[in-house]
N, C-alpha and C. Protein backbone atom coordinates (compact mmCIF):
# COMPACT_ATOMS: atom_id res chain seq x y z
N ILE A 1 -27.64 -50.64 55.47
CA ILE A 1 -28.15 -49.69 54.49
C ILE A 1 -27.00 -49.29 53.58
N SER A 2 -27.22 -49.35 52.32
CA SER A 2 -26.15 -49.05 51.36
C SER A 2 -25.92 -47.54 51.24
N PRO A 3 -24.72 -47.13 50.83
CA PRO A 3 -24.47 -45.71 50.58
C PRO A 3 -25.45 -45.10 49.58
N ALA A 4 -25.84 -45.85 48.56
CA ALA A 4 -26.81 -45.35 47.58
C ALA A 4 -28.16 -45.05 48.24
N THR A 5 -28.55 -45.88 49.19
CA THR A 5 -29.80 -45.64 49.92
C THR A 5 -29.68 -44.39 50.78
N PHE A 6 -28.51 -44.18 51.40
CA PHE A 6 -28.30 -42.96 52.18
C PHE A 6 -28.41 -41.72 51.29
N GLU A 7 -27.97 -41.81 50.06
CA GLU A 7 -28.10 -40.67 49.15
C GLU A 7 -29.58 -40.33 48.94
N LYS A 8 -30.42 -41.34 48.84
CA LYS A 8 -31.86 -41.10 48.69
C LYS A 8 -32.46 -40.56 49.99
N LEU A 9 -32.08 -41.16 51.11
CA LEU A 9 -32.59 -40.70 52.40
C LEU A 9 -32.18 -39.26 52.69
N ALA A 10 -30.96 -38.91 52.33
CA ALA A 10 -30.43 -37.57 52.60
C ALA A 10 -31.20 -36.49 51.85
N ALA A 11 -31.87 -36.85 50.79
CA ALA A 11 -32.64 -35.88 50.01
C ALA A 11 -33.99 -35.55 50.67
N HIS A 12 -34.40 -36.35 51.64
CA HIS A 12 -35.69 -36.12 52.31
C HIS A 12 -35.55 -34.93 53.26
N PRO A 13 -36.48 -33.98 53.24
CA PRO A 13 -36.34 -32.78 54.07
C PRO A 13 -36.39 -33.03 55.58
N ASN A 14 -36.97 -34.14 56.00
CA ASN A 14 -37.06 -34.43 57.44
C ASN A 14 -35.96 -35.35 57.95
N ILE A 15 -35.05 -35.74 57.10
CA ILE A 15 -33.93 -36.59 57.51
C ILE A 15 -32.67 -35.73 57.42
N VAL A 16 -32.06 -35.51 58.57
CA VAL A 16 -30.95 -34.55 58.62
C VAL A 16 -29.60 -35.18 58.93
N GLY A 17 -29.56 -36.48 59.10
CA GLY A 17 -28.26 -37.08 59.37
C GLY A 17 -28.36 -38.54 59.72
N THR A 18 -27.19 -39.10 60.01
CA THR A 18 -27.09 -40.50 60.39
C THR A 18 -25.93 -40.71 61.35
N LYS A 19 -26.08 -41.69 62.19
CA LYS A 19 -24.99 -42.15 63.06
C LYS A 19 -24.59 -43.53 62.55
N LEU A 20 -23.35 -43.64 62.11
CA LEU A 20 -22.84 -44.90 61.58
C LEU A 20 -22.01 -45.59 62.67
N SER A 21 -22.58 -46.64 63.23
CA SER A 21 -21.91 -47.36 64.32
C SER A 21 -21.28 -48.64 63.81
N HIS A 22 -20.54 -48.50 62.74
CA HIS A 22 -19.76 -49.61 62.20
C HIS A 22 -18.42 -49.06 61.76
N GLY A 23 -17.49 -49.91 61.52
CA GLY A 23 -16.16 -49.47 61.14
C GLY A 23 -15.85 -49.65 59.66
N ILE A 24 -16.86 -49.67 58.84
CA ILE A 24 -16.66 -49.89 57.41
C ILE A 24 -16.33 -48.55 56.77
N ILE A 25 -15.04 -48.22 56.74
CA ILE A 25 -14.61 -46.88 56.35
C ILE A 25 -14.94 -46.56 54.90
N ASP A 26 -14.97 -47.56 54.02
CA ASP A 26 -15.33 -47.23 52.63
C ASP A 26 -16.79 -46.80 52.53
N ASP A 27 -17.70 -47.46 53.24
CA ASP A 27 -19.10 -47.01 53.24
C ASP A 27 -19.23 -45.65 53.90
N GLN A 28 -18.51 -45.44 55.00
CA GLN A 28 -18.56 -44.13 55.66
C GLN A 28 -18.09 -43.04 54.69
N THR A 29 -17.05 -43.31 53.94
CA THR A 29 -16.54 -42.35 52.96
C THR A 29 -17.56 -42.10 51.86
N LEU A 30 -18.16 -43.16 51.36
CA LEU A 30 -19.14 -43.02 50.28
C LEU A 30 -20.38 -42.23 50.71
N ILE A 31 -20.62 -42.15 52.01
CA ILE A 31 -21.74 -41.35 52.53
C ILE A 31 -21.26 -39.95 52.91
N ALA A 32 -20.21 -39.87 53.72
CA ALA A 32 -19.76 -38.57 54.24
C ALA A 32 -19.14 -37.67 53.18
N ALA A 33 -18.60 -38.25 52.12
CA ALA A 33 -17.95 -37.45 51.08
C ALA A 33 -18.73 -37.43 49.77
N SER A 34 -19.91 -38.01 49.77
CA SER A 34 -20.67 -38.11 48.52
C SER A 34 -21.03 -36.74 47.95
N PRO A 35 -20.69 -36.49 46.71
CA PRO A 35 -21.10 -35.23 46.07
C PRO A 35 -22.60 -35.20 45.77
N ARG A 36 -23.28 -36.33 45.92
CA ARG A 36 -24.72 -36.40 45.67
C ARG A 36 -25.54 -36.16 46.94
N ILE A 37 -24.86 -35.81 48.03
CA ILE A 37 -25.53 -35.49 49.30
C ILE A 37 -25.23 -34.04 49.63
N ASP A 38 -26.27 -33.30 50.02
CA ASP A 38 -26.10 -31.92 50.48
C ASP A 38 -25.66 -31.97 51.94
N HIS A 39 -24.37 -31.79 52.17
CA HIS A 39 -23.82 -31.92 53.52
C HIS A 39 -24.06 -30.69 54.38
N ASP A 40 -24.71 -29.68 53.83
CA ASP A 40 -25.19 -28.57 54.65
C ASP A 40 -26.53 -28.91 55.28
N HIS A 41 -27.15 -29.99 54.82
CA HIS A 41 -28.45 -30.44 55.33
C HIS A 41 -28.37 -31.82 56.00
N PHE A 42 -27.48 -32.65 55.55
CA PHE A 42 -27.40 -34.04 56.02
C PHE A 42 -26.02 -34.28 56.63
N TYR A 43 -26.01 -34.66 57.91
CA TYR A 43 -24.76 -34.78 58.67
C TYR A 43 -24.46 -36.23 59.00
N VAL A 44 -23.19 -36.58 58.92
CA VAL A 44 -22.74 -37.95 59.21
C VAL A 44 -21.95 -37.94 60.52
N PHE A 45 -22.42 -38.74 61.46
CA PHE A 45 -21.74 -38.93 62.74
C PHE A 45 -21.22 -40.36 62.79
N THR A 46 -20.11 -40.55 63.47
CA THR A 46 -19.68 -41.90 63.78
C THR A 46 -20.18 -42.25 65.18
N GLY A 47 -20.50 -43.50 65.38
CA GLY A 47 -20.87 -43.98 66.70
C GLY A 47 -19.68 -44.58 67.42
N LEU A 48 -18.51 -44.45 66.81
CA LEU A 48 -17.30 -45.08 67.34
C LEU A 48 -16.20 -44.04 67.50
N GLY A 49 -15.84 -43.74 68.73
CA GLY A 49 -14.76 -42.79 68.96
C GLY A 49 -13.45 -43.22 68.32
N GLN A 50 -13.26 -44.53 68.18
CA GLN A 50 -12.02 -45.00 67.55
C GLN A 50 -11.96 -44.64 66.08
N ASN A 51 -13.08 -44.18 65.51
CA ASN A 51 -13.11 -43.74 64.12
C ASN A 51 -13.24 -42.23 63.99
N LEU A 52 -13.19 -41.49 65.08
CA LEU A 52 -13.47 -40.06 65.01
C LEU A 52 -12.56 -39.33 64.03
N LEU A 53 -11.26 -39.42 64.18
CA LEU A 53 -10.36 -38.69 63.30
C LEU A 53 -10.52 -39.11 61.83
N PRO A 54 -10.53 -40.40 61.52
CA PRO A 54 -10.75 -40.77 60.12
C PRO A 54 -12.07 -40.25 59.56
N VAL A 55 -13.14 -40.31 60.36
CA VAL A 55 -14.44 -39.87 59.87
C VAL A 55 -14.48 -38.36 59.68
N LEU A 56 -13.83 -37.61 60.55
CA LEU A 56 -13.75 -36.16 60.35
C LEU A 56 -13.04 -35.83 59.05
N THR A 57 -11.99 -36.57 58.74
CA THR A 57 -11.21 -36.25 57.54
C THR A 57 -11.96 -36.54 56.24
N ILE A 58 -12.98 -37.39 56.30
CA ILE A 58 -13.75 -37.70 55.08
C ILE A 58 -15.05 -36.92 54.99
N GLY A 59 -15.30 -36.04 55.97
CA GLY A 59 -16.49 -35.20 55.90
C GLY A 59 -17.52 -35.44 56.97
N GLY A 60 -17.29 -36.41 57.85
CA GLY A 60 -18.18 -36.58 58.99
C GLY A 60 -18.07 -35.39 59.92
N VAL A 61 -19.06 -35.21 60.79
CA VAL A 61 -19.08 -34.00 61.62
C VAL A 61 -18.71 -34.22 63.08
N ALA A 62 -18.88 -35.42 63.61
CA ALA A 62 -18.60 -35.64 65.03
C ALA A 62 -18.83 -37.11 65.37
N ALA A 63 -18.70 -37.40 66.67
CA ALA A 63 -18.97 -38.75 67.19
C ALA A 63 -20.05 -38.67 68.25
N ILE A 64 -20.89 -39.68 68.27
CA ILE A 64 -21.83 -39.91 69.36
C ILE A 64 -21.35 -41.23 69.95
N ASP A 65 -20.61 -41.15 71.05
CA ASP A 65 -19.73 -42.24 71.43
C ASP A 65 -19.81 -42.57 72.91
N GLY A 66 -19.68 -43.84 73.23
CA GLY A 66 -19.71 -44.29 74.62
C GLY A 66 -18.54 -43.81 75.45
N LEU A 67 -17.33 -43.82 74.91
CA LEU A 67 -16.16 -43.39 75.68
C LEU A 67 -16.27 -41.92 76.06
N ALA A 68 -16.95 -41.12 75.24
CA ALA A 68 -17.15 -39.70 75.55
C ALA A 68 -17.98 -39.53 76.81
N GLY A 69 -18.76 -40.53 77.16
CA GLY A 69 -19.51 -40.48 78.41
C GLY A 69 -18.63 -40.67 79.63
N ILE A 70 -17.46 -41.24 79.44
CA ILE A 70 -16.52 -41.46 80.54
C ILE A 70 -15.45 -40.38 80.55
N PHE A 71 -14.94 -40.05 79.38
CA PHE A 71 -13.86 -39.06 79.25
C PHE A 71 -14.23 -38.02 78.19
N PRO A 72 -15.19 -37.17 78.48
CA PRO A 72 -15.67 -36.24 77.46
C PRO A 72 -14.61 -35.26 76.96
N ARG A 73 -13.77 -34.76 77.84
CA ARG A 73 -12.78 -33.76 77.43
C ARG A 73 -11.78 -34.32 76.41
N ILE A 74 -11.44 -35.58 76.53
CA ILE A 74 -10.48 -36.18 75.60
C ILE A 74 -11.08 -36.25 74.20
N VAL A 75 -12.31 -36.72 74.11
CA VAL A 75 -12.95 -36.85 72.80
C VAL A 75 -13.22 -35.46 72.21
N VAL A 76 -13.69 -34.54 73.04
CA VAL A 76 -13.95 -33.18 72.57
C VAL A 76 -12.64 -32.50 72.16
N ARG A 77 -11.57 -32.76 72.87
CA ARG A 77 -10.28 -32.15 72.51
C ARG A 77 -9.87 -32.56 71.10
N LEU A 78 -10.00 -33.84 70.77
CA LEU A 78 -9.67 -34.28 69.41
C LEU A 78 -10.58 -33.60 68.39
N PHE A 79 -11.87 -33.55 68.67
CA PHE A 79 -12.83 -32.91 67.78
C PHE A 79 -12.45 -31.45 67.54
N ARG A 80 -12.18 -30.72 68.61
CA ARG A 80 -11.84 -29.30 68.48
C ARG A 80 -10.49 -29.10 67.80
N LEU A 81 -9.53 -29.93 68.15
CA LEU A 81 -8.22 -29.81 67.52
C LEU A 81 -8.33 -29.99 66.01
N TYR A 82 -9.10 -30.97 65.58
CA TYR A 82 -9.29 -31.18 64.15
C TYR A 82 -9.92 -29.95 63.50
N ASN A 83 -11.03 -29.49 64.07
CA ASN A 83 -11.73 -28.35 63.47
C ASN A 83 -10.93 -27.07 63.52
N ASP A 84 -10.23 -26.82 64.63
CA ASP A 84 -9.39 -25.62 64.72
C ASP A 84 -8.25 -25.67 63.72
N SER A 85 -7.62 -26.82 63.59
CA SER A 85 -6.49 -26.93 62.66
C SER A 85 -6.96 -26.85 61.22
N ALA A 86 -8.14 -27.38 60.94
CA ALA A 86 -8.68 -27.29 59.58
C ALA A 86 -8.96 -25.83 59.21
N ALA A 87 -9.38 -25.04 60.20
CA ALA A 87 -9.71 -23.64 59.95
C ALA A 87 -8.47 -22.77 59.75
N LYS A 88 -7.39 -23.09 60.48
CA LYS A 88 -6.20 -22.23 60.43
C LYS A 88 -5.10 -22.77 59.53
N GLY A 89 -5.22 -24.02 59.17
CA GLY A 89 -4.15 -24.67 58.41
C GLY A 89 -3.45 -25.68 59.30
N THR A 90 -3.57 -26.93 58.96
CA THR A 90 -3.05 -28.01 59.79
C THR A 90 -1.53 -28.08 59.72
N THR A 91 -0.90 -28.14 60.89
CA THR A 91 0.55 -28.25 60.98
C THR A 91 0.94 -29.69 61.30
N LYS A 92 2.22 -29.99 61.17
CA LYS A 92 2.71 -31.32 61.56
C LYS A 92 2.46 -31.56 63.04
N GLU A 93 2.58 -30.51 63.85
CA GLU A 93 2.34 -30.65 65.29
C GLU A 93 0.87 -30.99 65.55
N ASP A 94 -0.03 -30.37 64.79
CA ASP A 94 -1.46 -30.68 64.92
C ASP A 94 -1.71 -32.15 64.59
N ILE A 95 -1.12 -32.60 63.49
CA ILE A 95 -1.31 -34.00 63.08
C ILE A 95 -0.81 -34.94 64.16
N LYS A 96 0.34 -34.66 64.72
CA LYS A 96 0.88 -35.52 65.79
C LYS A 96 -0.05 -35.51 67.00
N ALA A 97 -0.51 -34.33 67.40
CA ALA A 97 -1.41 -34.24 68.55
C ALA A 97 -2.71 -35.00 68.30
N MET A 98 -3.25 -34.88 67.09
CA MET A 98 -4.49 -35.59 66.76
C MET A 98 -4.26 -37.10 66.75
N ARG A 99 -3.16 -37.54 66.18
CA ARG A 99 -2.86 -38.97 66.17
C ARG A 99 -2.70 -39.50 67.59
N ASP A 100 -2.00 -38.73 68.42
CA ASP A 100 -1.79 -39.17 69.81
C ASP A 100 -3.13 -39.30 70.55
N LEU A 101 -4.00 -38.32 70.39
CA LEU A 101 -5.31 -38.39 71.03
C LEU A 101 -6.14 -39.54 70.47
N GLN A 102 -6.11 -39.73 69.15
CA GLN A 102 -6.87 -40.82 68.56
C GLN A 102 -6.37 -42.17 69.07
N PHE A 103 -5.06 -42.29 69.23
CA PHE A 103 -4.49 -43.53 69.77
C PHE A 103 -5.03 -43.79 71.18
N ARG A 104 -5.01 -42.76 72.02
CA ARG A 104 -5.48 -42.92 73.40
C ARG A 104 -6.97 -43.28 73.42
N ILE A 105 -7.74 -42.64 72.56
CA ILE A 105 -9.17 -42.96 72.47
C ILE A 105 -9.35 -44.41 72.05
N CYS A 106 -8.59 -44.85 71.07
CA CYS A 106 -8.69 -46.24 70.60
C CYS A 106 -8.38 -47.23 71.72
N GLU A 107 -7.40 -46.91 72.55
CA GLU A 107 -7.09 -47.81 73.67
C GLU A 107 -8.31 -48.00 74.57
N GLY A 108 -8.97 -46.90 74.91
CA GLY A 108 -10.15 -46.98 75.77
C GLY A 108 -11.35 -47.61 75.08
N GLU A 109 -11.46 -47.38 73.80
CA GLU A 109 -12.59 -47.92 73.04
C GLU A 109 -12.59 -49.44 73.00
N LYS A 110 -11.45 -50.06 73.24
CA LYS A 110 -11.40 -51.53 73.26
C LYS A 110 -12.34 -52.08 74.34
N LEU A 111 -12.41 -51.40 75.48
CA LEU A 111 -13.33 -51.82 76.54
C LEU A 111 -14.77 -51.63 76.08
N VAL A 112 -15.07 -50.49 75.47
CA VAL A 112 -16.42 -50.22 74.99
C VAL A 112 -16.83 -51.26 73.95
N ALA A 113 -15.93 -51.58 73.03
CA ALA A 113 -16.23 -52.57 72.00
C ALA A 113 -16.44 -53.95 72.62
N ARG A 114 -15.67 -54.28 73.63
CA ARG A 114 -15.77 -55.60 74.26
C ARG A 114 -17.01 -55.73 75.14
N TRP A 115 -17.30 -54.68 75.93
CA TRP A 115 -18.33 -54.79 76.97
C TRP A 115 -19.55 -53.91 76.75
N ALA A 116 -19.53 -53.02 75.78
CA ALA A 116 -20.67 -52.15 75.45
C ALA A 116 -21.16 -51.40 76.70
N VAL A 117 -22.47 -51.36 76.91
CA VAL A 117 -23.06 -50.60 78.01
C VAL A 117 -22.52 -51.06 79.36
N VAL A 118 -22.34 -52.34 79.54
CA VAL A 118 -21.80 -52.87 80.80
C VAL A 118 -20.42 -52.26 81.06
N GLY A 119 -19.58 -52.20 80.05
CA GLY A 119 -18.24 -51.63 80.21
C GLY A 119 -18.27 -50.15 80.51
N ILE A 120 -19.15 -49.42 79.85
CA ILE A 120 -19.27 -47.98 80.10
C ILE A 120 -19.70 -47.74 81.53
N LYS A 121 -20.72 -48.46 81.99
CA LYS A 121 -21.19 -48.29 83.37
C LYS A 121 -20.11 -48.68 84.38
N GLU A 122 -19.43 -49.77 84.12
CA GLU A 122 -18.38 -50.22 85.03
C GLU A 122 -17.25 -49.19 85.09
N ALA A 123 -16.82 -48.70 83.95
CA ALA A 123 -15.73 -47.72 83.91
C ALA A 123 -16.14 -46.42 84.59
N LEU A 124 -17.36 -45.96 84.37
CA LEU A 124 -17.84 -44.75 85.05
C LEU A 124 -17.80 -44.92 86.57
N ALA A 125 -18.24 -46.06 87.04
CA ALA A 125 -18.24 -46.31 88.48
C ALA A 125 -16.82 -46.39 89.02
N ARG A 126 -15.95 -47.09 88.34
CA ARG A 126 -14.58 -47.27 88.83
C ARG A 126 -13.74 -46.01 88.70
N MET A 127 -13.94 -45.25 87.63
CA MET A 127 -13.11 -44.05 87.39
C MET A 127 -13.60 -42.83 88.15
N TRP A 128 -14.91 -42.64 88.21
CA TRP A 128 -15.45 -41.39 88.74
C TRP A 128 -16.41 -41.59 89.91
N GLY A 129 -16.68 -42.85 90.30
CA GLY A 129 -17.61 -43.10 91.40
C GLY A 129 -19.05 -42.77 91.05
N MET A 130 -19.37 -42.78 89.78
CA MET A 130 -20.73 -42.48 89.33
C MET A 130 -21.47 -43.78 89.03
N GLY A 131 -22.64 -43.93 89.60
CA GLY A 131 -23.40 -45.14 89.37
C GLY A 131 -22.81 -46.31 90.13
N SER A 132 -23.11 -47.49 89.65
CA SER A 132 -22.65 -48.71 90.29
C SER A 132 -22.04 -49.63 89.24
N LYS A 133 -20.87 -50.18 89.57
CA LYS A 133 -20.22 -51.06 88.60
C LYS A 133 -21.01 -52.34 88.38
N THR A 134 -21.90 -52.67 89.28
CA THR A 134 -22.75 -53.84 89.08
C THR A 134 -24.19 -53.42 88.79
N GLY A 135 -24.40 -52.13 88.60
CA GLY A 135 -25.75 -51.61 88.38
C GLY A 135 -26.26 -51.88 86.99
N GLY A 136 -27.35 -51.27 86.70
CA GLY A 136 -27.98 -51.45 85.40
C GLY A 136 -29.18 -52.36 85.53
N ARG A 137 -29.96 -52.34 84.51
CA ARG A 137 -31.18 -53.15 84.49
C ARG A 137 -30.87 -54.52 83.88
N LEU A 138 -31.74 -55.44 84.13
CA LEU A 138 -31.61 -56.75 83.51
C LEU A 138 -31.78 -56.61 82.00
N PRO A 139 -31.10 -57.31 81.20
CA PRO A 139 -30.18 -58.40 81.52
C PRO A 139 -28.75 -57.92 81.71
N LEU A 140 -28.55 -56.60 81.85
CA LEU A 140 -27.19 -56.07 81.93
C LEU A 140 -26.67 -55.96 83.36
N ALA A 141 -27.49 -56.21 84.35
CA ALA A 141 -27.05 -56.09 85.74
C ALA A 141 -25.95 -57.09 86.04
N GLY A 142 -25.05 -56.69 86.92
CA GLY A 142 -24.01 -57.61 87.36
C GLY A 142 -22.61 -57.20 87.00
N GLY A 143 -22.44 -56.26 86.10
CA GLY A 143 -21.10 -55.80 85.75
C GLY A 143 -20.34 -56.81 84.91
N PHE A 144 -19.02 -56.63 84.90
CA PHE A 144 -18.15 -57.52 84.13
C PHE A 144 -18.26 -58.96 84.60
N GLU A 145 -18.23 -59.89 83.67
CA GLU A 145 -17.98 -61.27 84.05
C GLU A 145 -16.51 -61.30 84.47
N GLY A 146 -16.23 -61.82 85.62
CA GLY A 146 -14.86 -61.85 86.09
C GLY A 146 -14.52 -60.69 87.02
N GLY A 147 -15.42 -59.71 87.14
CA GLY A 147 -15.28 -58.62 88.10
C GLY A 147 -13.92 -57.95 88.11
N ASP A 148 -13.27 -57.96 89.27
CA ASP A 148 -11.99 -57.27 89.45
C ASP A 148 -10.89 -57.83 88.57
N GLU A 149 -10.91 -59.12 88.32
CA GLU A 149 -9.89 -59.72 87.44
C GLU A 149 -10.00 -59.15 86.02
N GLU A 150 -11.22 -58.99 85.54
CA GLU A 150 -11.41 -58.41 84.21
C GLU A 150 -10.98 -56.94 84.21
N TRP A 151 -11.32 -56.21 85.28
CA TRP A 151 -10.96 -54.79 85.33
C TRP A 151 -9.45 -54.60 85.30
N LYS A 152 -8.71 -55.51 85.89
CA LYS A 152 -7.24 -55.40 85.89
C LYS A 152 -6.69 -55.31 84.48
N LYS A 153 -7.37 -55.92 83.52
CA LYS A 153 -6.92 -55.87 82.12
C LYS A 153 -7.03 -54.45 81.54
N TRP A 154 -7.91 -53.64 82.09
CA TRP A 154 -8.22 -52.31 81.56
C TRP A 154 -7.71 -51.18 82.44
N GLU A 155 -7.38 -51.50 83.67
CA GLU A 155 -7.11 -50.47 84.67
C GLU A 155 -6.01 -49.49 84.28
N LYS A 156 -4.89 -49.98 83.78
CA LYS A 156 -3.77 -49.09 83.43
C LYS A 156 -4.18 -48.11 82.33
N THR A 157 -4.83 -48.62 81.31
CA THR A 157 -5.28 -47.75 80.21
C THR A 157 -6.25 -46.70 80.73
N PHE A 158 -7.20 -47.12 81.54
CA PHE A 158 -8.21 -46.18 82.02
C PHE A 158 -7.66 -45.21 83.05
N GLN A 159 -6.68 -45.62 83.82
CA GLN A 159 -6.03 -44.68 84.73
C GLN A 159 -5.29 -43.60 83.93
N GLY A 160 -4.63 -44.01 82.86
CA GLY A 160 -3.96 -43.04 82.00
C GLY A 160 -4.94 -42.07 81.34
N LEU A 161 -6.09 -42.58 80.92
CA LEU A 161 -7.12 -41.72 80.34
C LEU A 161 -7.68 -40.76 81.39
N ARG A 162 -7.85 -41.26 82.60
CA ARG A 162 -8.34 -40.38 83.67
C ARG A 162 -7.35 -39.24 83.93
N GLU A 163 -6.07 -39.57 83.97
CA GLU A 163 -5.06 -38.53 84.19
C GLU A 163 -5.09 -37.50 83.07
N LEU A 164 -5.25 -37.94 81.83
CA LEU A 164 -5.33 -37.01 80.71
C LEU A 164 -6.60 -36.16 80.81
N GLU A 165 -7.71 -36.76 81.16
CA GLU A 165 -8.97 -36.03 81.35
C GLU A 165 -8.81 -34.96 82.43
N GLU A 166 -8.18 -35.33 83.54
CA GLU A 166 -7.97 -34.38 84.63
C GLU A 166 -7.00 -33.27 84.22
N GLN A 167 -6.01 -33.60 83.41
CA GLN A 167 -5.09 -32.58 82.90
C GLN A 167 -5.85 -31.55 82.06
N PHE A 168 -6.71 -32.04 81.17
CA PHE A 168 -7.49 -31.13 80.33
C PHE A 168 -8.43 -30.28 81.19
N LYS A 169 -9.00 -30.87 82.22
CA LYS A 169 -9.87 -30.10 83.13
C LYS A 169 -9.06 -29.01 83.83
N ALA A 170 -7.88 -29.35 84.31
CA ALA A 170 -7.03 -28.38 85.02
C ALA A 170 -6.62 -27.22 84.12
N GLU A 171 -6.52 -27.48 82.83
CA GLU A 171 -6.17 -26.42 81.88
C GLU A 171 -7.30 -25.42 81.71
N GLY A 172 -8.46 -25.76 82.25
CA GLY A 172 -9.59 -24.85 82.19
C GLY A 172 -10.31 -24.83 80.86
N LYS A 173 -10.05 -25.83 80.06
CA LYS A 173 -10.73 -25.93 78.77
C LYS A 173 -11.62 -27.16 78.80
N GLU A 174 -12.82 -27.00 78.32
CA GLU A 174 -13.72 -28.15 78.24
C GLU A 174 -13.48 -28.88 76.93
N GLY A 175 -12.32 -29.47 76.84
CA GLY A 175 -11.96 -30.18 75.62
C GLY A 175 -10.88 -29.51 74.98
């Protein structure tokens, strides 16, 4: 759907937003920053956590993201840090913290991009013991092709994300 079409759709009273699950940042910008869209009525979400910070900076409002299902506090922390810093005045320290979180999110998103729902289910099972790493309905049942060998490629990144998630939980903040 072209940005011009989104401008028309955004004018409809029953259409209040969109989730853009692609990485085409120029189209995202032409929608999220369009002066021809009433952004108090029409909201732009990214479907990709790896685009959260860039999309927030162009006028998007949040992410509806697979990695947030595994590590919600990390994704929410970036979201809140951006909004809090925008409200008070962004510092160099804020920018560094946001970049660092976005980097960590991008590392984890590589699994989501590669394996989609199968990867999310597998990571949830391996990281938190929720569900089954081979669970899911057909045709997604069975988990990763390559099983434990494939997981070894992701394990270090996901262990680091788990530690960060647990750190944020211990701080007593939900994000």
